[in-house]
Amino acid sequence: MKPEDINQVLEKHRQWLLDHTQGTRADLHGVNLSGAYLRGANLREADLHGVNLRGADLHGVNLSGADLGWANLGWANLGGADLGEADLRGADLHGVNLSGANLHGVNLRESEDQMPY
């Protein structure tokens, strides 16, 4: 996905968060965003199920209530991120940086610190 496409998704999601009758909820289900720079983005309640965020910079991102089930977060930087109430079931967390992240109420069932290769 191109950076301008990501920016468009983020803008529509911002509008949706302000007023659910405007914009659209971010749906990045299964998208390859490995290595993406999303520092400080607001992806609260976004659909990121199965997304590939391996090595992405997500420092300070708001992912509260987001669906990150079965996402690849290996080696991603989630330092200072808000993951409150996020669903990380089955997510790959190998090498992820969670320093200072809010993990209150996160669902980590079946999450792995390594993917079985």
Protein backbone atom coordinates (compact mmCIF):
# COMPACT_ATOMS: atom_id res chain seq x y z
CA MET A 1 0.00 0.00 0.00
CA LYS A 2 1.36 3.40 -0.97
CA PRO A 3 1.87 6.12 1.70
CA GLU A 4 -0.74 8.35 0.07
CA ASP A 5 -3.28 5.49 0.25
CA ILE A 6 -2.49 4.97 3.93
CA ASN A 7 -2.94 8.70 4.54
CA GLN A 8 -6.33 8.60 2.82
CA VAL A 9 -7.44 5.65 5.00
CA LEU A 10 -6.23 7.48 8.12
CA GLU A 11 -8.12 10.66 7.16
CA LYS A 12 -11.38 8.81 6.49
CA HIS A 13 -10.93 6.96 9.79
CA ARG A 14 -10.36 10.27 11.61
CA GLN A 15 -13.65 11.55 10.20
CA TRP A 16 -15.41 8.32 11.21
CA LEU A 17 -14.09 8.59 14.78
CA LEU A 18 -15.49 12.12 15.06
CA ASP A 19 -18.90 11.25 13.60
CA HIS A 20 -19.81 7.69 12.58
CA THR A 21 -21.99 9.13 9.79
CA GLN A 22 -18.90 10.65 8.13
CA GLY A 23 -15.80 8.94 6.72
CA THR A 24 -15.25 5.21 7.09
CA ARG A 25 -13.70 2.94 9.69
CA ALA A 26 -10.14 1.98 8.75
CA ASP A 27 -10.17 -1.51 7.25
CA LEU A 28 -6.62 -2.69 6.70
CA HIS A 29 -7.53 -6.35 7.13
CA GLY A 30 -4.66 -8.47 5.80
CA VAL A 31 -2.78 -5.53 4.24
CA ASN A 32 1.02 -5.62 4.04
CA LEU A 33 2.31 -2.60 5.96
CA SER A 34 5.67 -4.08 6.92
CA GLY A 35 8.15 -1.35 7.73
CA ALA A 36 5.48 1.38 7.56
CA TYR A 37 5.95 4.66 9.42
CA LEU A 38 2.71 5.25 11.32
CA ARG A 39 4.14 7.05 14.34
CA GLY A 40 1.41 8.87 16.29
CA ALA A 41 -1.46 7.71 14.03
CA ASN A 42 -4.97 7.29 15.44
CA LEU A 43 -6.19 3.78 14.59
CA ARG A 44 -8.57 3.44 17.51
CA GLU A 45 -11.16 0.72 16.77
CA ALA A 46 -9.60 0.00 13.34
CA ASP A 47 -9.81 -3.40 11.63
CA LEU A 48 -6.21 -4.58 11.41
CA HIS A 49 -6.99 -8.29 11.56
CA GLY A 50 -4.17 -10.24 9.94
CA VAL A 51 -2.25 -7.09 8.95
CA ASN A 52 1.51 -7.37 8.41
CA LEU A 53 3.17 -4.66 10.49
CA ARG A 54 6.50 -6.42 10.85
CA GLY A 55 9.19 -3.85 11.64
CA ALA A 56 6.72 -0.94 11.44
CA ASP A 57 7.18 2.23 13.49
CA LEU A 58 3.99 2.53 15.55
CA HIS A 59 5.45 4.59 18.38
CA GLY A 60 2.67 6.46 20.19
CA VAL A 61 -0.08 5.07 17.95
CA ASN A 62 -3.61 4.87 19.36
CA LEU A 63 -4.75 1.28 18.79
CA SER A 64 -7.27 1.16 21.62
CA GLY A 65 -10.10 -1.20 20.80
CA ALA A 66 -8.49 -2.17 17.49
CA ASP A 67 -8.72 -5.68 16.04
CA LEU A 68 -5.13 -6.89 15.63
CA GLY A 69 -6.02 -10.58 15.74
CA TRP A 70 -3.43 -12.72 13.94
CA ALA A 71 -1.45 -9.61 13.00
CA ASN A 72 2.29 -9.83 12.41
CA LEU A 73 3.82 -7.30 14.80
CA GLY A 74 7.26 -8.91 14.85
CA TRP A 75 10.01 -6.37 15.52
CA ALA A 76 7.52 -3.47 15.38
CA ASN A 77 8.02 -0.41 17.58
CA LEU A 78 4.91 0.00 19.74
CA GLY A 79 6.67 2.06 22.41
CA GLY A 80 4.22 4.42 24.07
CA ALA A 81 1.31 3.05 22.03
CA ASP A 82 -2.21 2.81 23.46
CA LEU A 83 -3.37 -0.80 23.07
CA GLY A 84 -6.10 -0.58 25.71
CA GLU A 85 -8.83 -3.17 25.04
CA ALA A 86 -7.19 -4.16 21.72
CA ASP A 87 -7.62 -7.70 20.41
CA LEU A 88 -4.22 -9.30 19.78
CA ARG A 89 -5.39 -12.91 19.73
CA GLY A 90 -2.91 -15.01 17.79
CA ALA A 91 -0.66 -12.04 17.00
CA ASP A 92 3.07 -12.51 16.38
CA LEU A 93 4.82 -10.42 19.02
CA HIS A 94 8.35 -11.70 18.46
CA GLY A 95 10.81 -8.89 19.21
CA VAL A 96 8.09 -6.22 19.50
CA ASN A 97 8.93 -3.10 21.54
CA LEU A 98 6.12 -2.45 24.04
CA SER A 99 8.10 -0.09 26.26
CA GLY A 100 5.68 2.35 27.89
CA ALA A 101 2.69 0.97 26.00
CA ASN A 102 -0.77 0.86 27.59
CA LEU A 103 -1.78 -2.81 27.69
CA HIS A 104 -4.84 -2.44 29.93
CA GLY A 105 -7.45 -5.02 28.96
CA VAL A 106 -5.52 -6.34 25.94
CA ASN A 107 -6.60 -9.77 24.72
CA LEU A 108 -3.38 -11.77 24.23
CA ARG A 109 -4.86 -15.28 24.07
CA GLU A 110 -3.00 -17.49 21.62
CA SER A 111 -0.48 -14.71 20.93
CA GLU A 112 3.03 -15.91 20.35
CA ASP A 113 6.41 -14.40 20.91
CA GLN A 114 7.43 -16.30 17.77
CA MET A 115 5.60 -17.57 14.74
CA PRO A 116 6.04 -21.29 14.13
CA TYR A 117 8.18 -21.64 10.98
